[in-house]
């Protein structure tokens, strides 16, 4: 299992895919922010709640990343991929929270 994760995080192709997903998730979040639905009071409340949820998740992800930082420091690609993974999961959490909150409210 550890060897598989090491090979995954050492791959530059996976890092590029991870970065592309990060930009895609950021684009989706910005699209909702600037859309007509995101400009009214309800939309601003949804964005604020989703941002708060993802902010809490950021602390969880950074603590997990901090625990594995010694392993990540062995290779610069692994370190970059770890940081990008934290960013991508952070944005994924914001987008999922936004989608769930749009259906609930």
N, C-alpha and C. Protein backbone atom coordinates (compact mmCIF):
# COMPACT_ATOMS: atom_id res chain seq x y z
N UNK A 1 0.83 -1.20 0.00
CA UNK A 1 0.00 0.00 0.00
C UNK A 1 0.87 1.26 0.00
N UNK A 2 1.91 1.26 0.83
CA UNK A 2 2.78 2.43 0.91
C UNK A 2 3.53 2.64 -0.41
N UNK A 3 3.94 1.54 -1.04
CA UNK A 3 4.65 1.67 -2.31
C UNK A 3 3.74 2.25 -3.39
N UNK A 4 2.47 1.85 -3.39
CA UNK A 4 1.52 2.36 -4.38
C UNK A 4 1.29 3.86 -4.19
N UNK A 5 1.13 4.30 -2.95
CA UNK A 5 0.93 5.73 -2.67
C UNK A 5 2.19 6.51 -3.01
N UNK A 6 3.36 5.93 -2.74
CA UNK A 6 4.61 6.60 -3.08
C UNK A 6 4.74 6.78 -4.58
N UNK A 7 4.45 5.74 -5.36
CA UNK A 7 4.50 5.85 -6.81
C UNK A 7 3.48 6.86 -7.33
N UNK A 8 2.32 6.91 -6.70
CA UNK A 8 1.27 7.83 -7.11
C UNK A 8 1.70 9.28 -6.87
N UNK A 9 2.25 9.56 -5.70
CA UNK A 9 2.65 10.92 -5.36
C UNK A 9 3.96 11.34 -6.02
N UNK A 10 4.75 10.40 -6.51
CA UNK A 10 5.99 10.73 -7.21
C UNK A 10 5.77 10.97 -8.70
N UNK A 11 4.58 10.76 -9.19
CA UNK A 11 4.30 10.89 -10.62
C UNK A 11 3.99 12.34 -10.99
N UNK A 12 4.68 12.85 -11.99
CA UNK A 12 4.42 14.20 -12.47
C UNK A 12 3.09 14.28 -13.22
N UNK A 13 2.70 13.19 -13.85
CA UNK A 13 1.42 13.15 -14.58
C UNK A 13 0.26 13.28 -13.60
N UNK A 14 0.34 12.57 -12.49
CA UNK A 14 -0.70 12.66 -11.46
C UNK A 14 -0.75 14.08 -10.90
N UNK A 15 0.41 14.72 -10.77
CA UNK A 15 0.45 16.09 -10.27
C UNK A 15 -0.25 17.04 -11.25
N UNK A 16 -0.05 16.84 -12.54
CA UNK A 16 -0.72 17.68 -13.53
C UNK A 16 -2.22 17.43 -13.55
N UNK A 17 -2.62 16.18 -13.41
CA UNK A 17 -4.05 15.87 -13.33
C UNK A 17 -4.66 16.49 -12.09
N UNK A 18 -3.94 16.40 -10.98
CA UNK A 18 -4.40 16.96 -9.71
C UNK A 18 -4.53 18.48 -9.82
N UNK A 19 -3.57 19.13 -10.47
CA UNK A 19 -3.64 20.58 -10.65
C UNK A 19 -4.81 20.96 -11.56
N UNK A 20 -5.04 20.18 -12.61
CA UNK A 20 -6.17 20.45 -13.50
C UNK A 20 -7.50 20.32 -12.76
N UNK A 21 -7.61 19.32 -11.92
CA UNK A 21 -8.83 19.17 -11.11
C UNK A 21 -9.00 20.35 -10.15
N UNK A 22 -7.90 20.81 -9.58
CA UNK A 22 -7.97 21.97 -8.69
C UNK A 22 -8.48 23.20 -9.41
N UNK A 23 -7.98 23.45 -10.63
CA UNK A 23 -8.47 24.59 -11.40
C UNK A 23 -9.92 24.40 -11.82
N UNK A 24 -10.32 23.19 -12.12
CA UNK A 24 -11.71 22.91 -12.47
C UNK A 24 -12.64 23.20 -11.30
N UNK A 25 -12.27 22.73 -10.11
CA UNK A 25 -13.09 22.97 -8.92
C UNK A 25 -13.12 24.45 -8.57
N UNK A 26 -11.99 25.14 -8.74
CA UNK A 26 -11.97 26.59 -8.49
C UNK A 26 -12.87 27.31 -9.50
N UNK A 27 -12.83 26.88 -10.74
CA UNK A 27 -13.69 27.47 -11.75
C UNK A 27 -15.16 27.28 -11.45
N UNK A 28 -15.53 26.09 -10.98
CA UNK A 28 -16.93 25.84 -10.63
C UNK A 28 -17.37 26.74 -9.48
N UNK A 29 -16.51 26.89 -8.47
CA UNK A 29 -16.86 27.73 -7.33
C UNK A 29 -17.00 29.19 -7.76
N UNK A 30 -16.08 29.67 -8.60
CA UNK A 30 -16.17 31.04 -9.08
C UNK A 30 -17.37 31.25 -10.00
N UNK A 31 -17.71 30.22 -10.77
CA UNK A 31 -18.89 30.31 -11.63
C UNK A 31 -20.15 30.53 -10.79
N UNK A 32 -20.29 29.78 -9.70
CA UNK A 32 -21.47 29.97 -8.86
C UNK A 32 -21.41 31.33 -8.17
N UNK A 33 -20.24 31.77 -7.78
CA UNK A 33 -20.11 33.05 -7.09
C UNK A 33 -20.56 34.21 -7.98
N UNK A 34 -20.19 34.16 -9.26
CA UNK A 34 -20.54 35.24 -10.17
C UNK A 34 -21.85 35.02 -10.92
N UNK A 35 -22.52 33.89 -10.70
CA UNK A 35 -23.79 33.64 -11.38
C UNK A 35 -24.90 34.49 -10.76
N UNK A 36 -26.04 34.48 -11.43
CA UNK A 36 -27.18 35.26 -10.94
C UNK A 36 -27.66 34.72 -9.59
N UNK A 37 -27.63 33.39 -9.44
CA UNK A 37 -28.07 32.78 -8.19
C UNK A 37 -27.13 33.11 -7.04
N UNK A 38 -25.85 33.29 -7.32
CA UNK A 38 -24.87 33.57 -6.28
C UNK A 38 -24.86 35.00 -5.80
N UNK A 39 -25.54 35.89 -6.51
CA UNK A 39 -25.51 37.30 -6.16
C UNK A 39 -26.61 37.73 -5.19
N UNK A 40 -27.65 36.93 -5.05
CA UNK A 40 -28.71 37.34 -4.13
C UNK A 40 -28.36 36.93 -2.70
N UNK A 41 -29.26 37.25 -1.76
CA UNK A 41 -29.00 36.96 -0.35
C UNK A 41 -28.86 35.47 -0.09
N UNK A 42 -29.71 34.69 -0.68
CA UNK A 42 -29.66 33.23 -0.49
C UNK A 42 -28.34 32.67 -1.01
N UNK A 43 -27.91 33.13 -2.17
CA UNK A 43 -26.65 32.66 -2.74
C UNK A 43 -25.45 33.05 -1.91
N UNK A 44 -25.45 34.27 -1.39
CA UNK A 44 -24.35 34.70 -0.53
C UNK A 44 -24.30 33.87 0.76
N UNK A 45 -25.47 33.54 1.28
CA UNK A 45 -25.51 32.67 2.47
C UNK A 45 -24.99 31.28 2.18
N UNK A 46 -25.33 30.75 1.00
CA UNK A 46 -24.83 29.43 0.63
C UNK A 46 -23.32 29.44 0.46
N UNK A 47 -22.81 30.48 -0.16
CA UNK A 47 -21.36 30.59 -0.36
C UNK A 47 -20.65 30.73 0.99
N UNK A 48 -21.21 31.51 1.88
CA UNK A 48 -20.60 31.69 3.20
C UNK A 48 -20.59 30.38 3.99
N UNK A 49 -21.68 29.64 3.96
CA UNK A 49 -21.75 28.38 4.68
C UNK A 49 -20.80 27.34 4.07
N UNK A 50 -20.77 27.26 2.75
CA UNK A 50 -19.85 26.32 2.09
C UNK A 50 -18.40 26.69 2.37
N UNK A 51 -18.10 27.98 2.41
CA UNK A 51 -16.74 28.42 2.71
C UNK A 51 -16.35 28.08 4.14
N UNK A 52 -17.28 28.21 5.07
CA UNK A 52 -17.00 27.86 6.46
C UNK A 52 -16.74 26.36 6.60
N UNK A 53 -17.53 25.55 5.94
CA UNK A 53 -17.33 24.10 5.98
C UNK A 53 -15.98 23.73 5.38
N UNK A 54 -15.64 24.32 4.26
CA UNK A 54 -14.35 24.00 3.63
C UNK A 54 -13.18 24.55 4.44
N UNK A 55 -13.38 25.64 5.16
CA UNK A 55 -12.33 26.20 6.02
C UNK A 55 -12.01 25.23 7.16
N UNK A 56 -13.03 24.63 7.74
CA UNK A 56 -12.80 23.61 8.78
C UNK A 56 -12.08 22.41 8.19
N UNK A 57 -12.49 22.02 6.99
CA UNK A 57 -11.85 20.89 6.32
C UNK A 57 -10.39 21.19 5.99
N UNK A 58 -10.08 22.44 5.72
CA UNK A 58 -8.69 22.82 5.44
C UNK A 58 -7.80 22.53 6.63
N UNK A 59 -8.26 22.82 7.84
CA UNK A 59 -7.46 22.52 9.02
C UNK A 59 -7.26 21.03 9.20
N UNK A 60 -8.28 20.24 8.92
CA UNK A 60 -8.14 18.78 9.00
C UNK A 60 -7.12 18.29 7.98
N UNK A 61 -7.22 18.77 6.75
CA UNK A 61 -6.30 18.35 5.69
C UNK A 61 -4.87 18.79 5.98
N UNK A 62 -4.68 20.00 6.49
CA UNK A 62 -3.33 20.46 6.80
C UNK A 62 -2.72 19.69 7.96
N UNK A 63 -3.52 19.25 8.92
CA UNK A 63 -2.99 18.42 10.00
C UNK A 63 -2.59 17.05 9.50
N UNK A 64 -3.36 16.50 8.58
CA UNK A 64 -2.98 15.21 7.98
C UNK A 64 -1.71 15.37 7.16
N UNK A 65 -1.63 16.46 6.39
CA UNK A 65 -0.44 16.71 5.58
C UNK A 65 0.79 16.96 6.46
N UNK A 66 0.59 17.68 7.56
CA UNK A 66 1.70 17.92 8.49
C UNK A 66 2.23 16.63 9.10
N UNK A 67 1.35 15.69 9.33
CA UNK A 67 1.77 14.39 9.87
C UNK A 67 2.65 13.64 8.87
N UNK A 68 2.38 13.78 7.59
CA UNK A 68 3.14 13.07 6.56
C UNK A 68 4.19 13.94 5.89
N UNK A 69 4.52 15.08 6.49
CA UNK A 69 5.43 16.02 5.85
C UNK A 69 6.85 15.46 5.73
N UNK A 70 7.31 14.70 6.69
CA UNK A 70 8.65 14.12 6.61
C UNK A 70 8.76 13.18 5.41
N UNK A 71 7.71 12.41 5.17
CA UNK A 71 7.69 11.52 4.01
C UNK A 71 7.65 12.33 2.72
N UNK A 72 6.93 13.44 2.72
CA UNK A 72 6.82 14.26 1.52
C UNK A 72 8.10 15.02 1.20
N UNK A 73 8.93 15.28 2.18
CA UNK A 73 10.14 16.08 1.96
C UNK A 73 11.24 15.28 1.27
N UNK A 74 11.05 13.99 1.06
CA UNK A 74 12.07 13.18 0.38
C UNK A 74 12.19 13.52 -1.10
N UNK A 75 11.12 14.02 -1.70
CA UNK A 75 11.10 14.27 -3.13
C UNK A 75 10.28 15.54 -3.38
N UNK A 76 10.79 16.43 -4.22
CA UNK A 76 10.09 17.70 -4.47
C UNK A 76 8.77 17.48 -5.20
N UNK A 77 8.71 16.48 -6.07
CA UNK A 77 7.45 16.19 -6.78
C UNK A 77 6.42 15.68 -5.79
N UNK A 78 6.85 14.84 -4.85
CA UNK A 78 5.95 14.32 -3.83
C UNK A 78 5.42 15.45 -2.95
N UNK A 79 6.28 16.39 -2.59
CA UNK A 79 5.86 17.53 -1.78
C UNK A 79 4.85 18.39 -2.54
N UNK A 80 5.16 18.69 -3.78
CA UNK A 80 4.24 19.50 -4.59
C UNK A 80 2.91 18.80 -4.78
N UNK A 81 2.95 17.50 -5.01
CA UNK A 81 1.72 16.74 -5.18
C UNK A 81 0.91 16.70 -3.88
N UNK A 82 1.57 16.63 -2.75
CA UNK A 82 0.86 16.66 -1.47
C UNK A 82 0.17 17.98 -1.22
N UNK A 83 0.87 19.08 -1.51
CA UNK A 83 0.27 20.40 -1.34
C UNK A 83 -0.89 20.58 -2.30
N UNK A 84 -0.72 20.14 -3.55
CA UNK A 84 -1.79 20.25 -4.54
C UNK A 84 -2.99 19.39 -4.15
N UNK A 85 -2.75 18.23 -3.57
CA UNK A 85 -3.84 17.37 -3.12
C UNK A 85 -4.64 18.04 -2.02
N UNK A 86 -3.97 18.70 -1.08
CA UNK A 86 -4.67 19.42 -0.02
C UNK A 86 -5.54 20.53 -0.62
N UNK A 87 -4.99 21.26 -1.59
CA UNK A 87 -5.74 22.34 -2.23
C UNK A 87 -6.94 21.80 -3.02
N UNK A 88 -6.73 20.72 -3.74
CA UNK A 88 -7.82 20.14 -4.54
C UNK A 88 -8.93 19.60 -3.64
N UNK A 89 -8.57 18.92 -2.56
CA UNK A 89 -9.58 18.40 -1.64
C UNK A 89 -10.32 19.53 -0.93
N UNK A 90 -9.62 20.60 -0.64
CA UNK A 90 -10.25 21.78 -0.04
C UNK A 90 -11.32 22.35 -0.97
N UNK A 91 -10.97 22.52 -2.24
CA UNK A 91 -11.93 23.05 -3.20
C UNK A 91 -13.06 22.06 -3.49
N UNK A 92 -12.74 20.77 -3.50
CA UNK A 92 -13.77 19.75 -3.70
C UNK A 92 -14.77 19.80 -2.56
N UNK A 93 -14.29 19.99 -1.34
CA UNK A 93 -15.18 20.10 -0.18
C UNK A 93 -16.10 21.32 -0.31
N UNK A 94 -15.54 22.44 -0.75
CA UNK A 94 -16.36 23.64 -0.92
C UNK A 94 -17.43 23.43 -1.98
N UNK A 95 -17.06 22.78 -3.08
CA UNK A 95 -18.03 22.56 -4.16
C UNK A 95 -19.11 21.57 -3.75
N UNK A 96 -18.74 20.50 -3.08
CA UNK A 96 -19.74 19.52 -2.62
C UNK A 96 -20.67 20.15 -1.59
N UNK A 97 -20.11 20.93 -0.67
CA UNK A 97 -20.96 21.60 0.33
C UNK A 97 -21.91 22.57 -0.36
N UNK A 98 -21.43 23.25 -1.38
CA UNK A 98 -22.28 24.18 -2.12
C UNK A 98 -23.41 23.45 -2.84
N UNK A 99 -23.09 22.33 -3.46
CA UNK A 99 -24.13 21.56 -4.14
C UNK A 99 -25.17 21.00 -3.16
N UNK A 100 -24.70 20.51 -2.04
CA UNK A 100 -25.64 19.96 -1.04
C UNK A 100 -26.52 21.07 -0.48
N UNK A 101 -25.92 22.21 -0.17
CA UNK A 101 -26.70 23.31 0.40
C UNK A 101 -27.70 23.88 -0.61
N UNK A 102 -27.37 23.85 -1.89
CA UNK A 102 -28.33 24.30 -2.90
C UNK A 102 -29.55 23.41 -2.94
N UNK A 103 -29.37 22.11 -2.71
CA UNK A 103 -30.52 21.18 -2.72
C UNK A 103 -31.32 21.26 -1.43
N UNK A 104 -30.66 21.53 -0.31
CA UNK A 104 -31.36 21.55 0.98
C UNK A 104 -32.17 22.82 1.14
N UNK A 105 -31.58 23.97 0.83
CA UNK A 105 -32.25 25.26 1.09
C UNK A 105 -33.06 25.69 -0.10
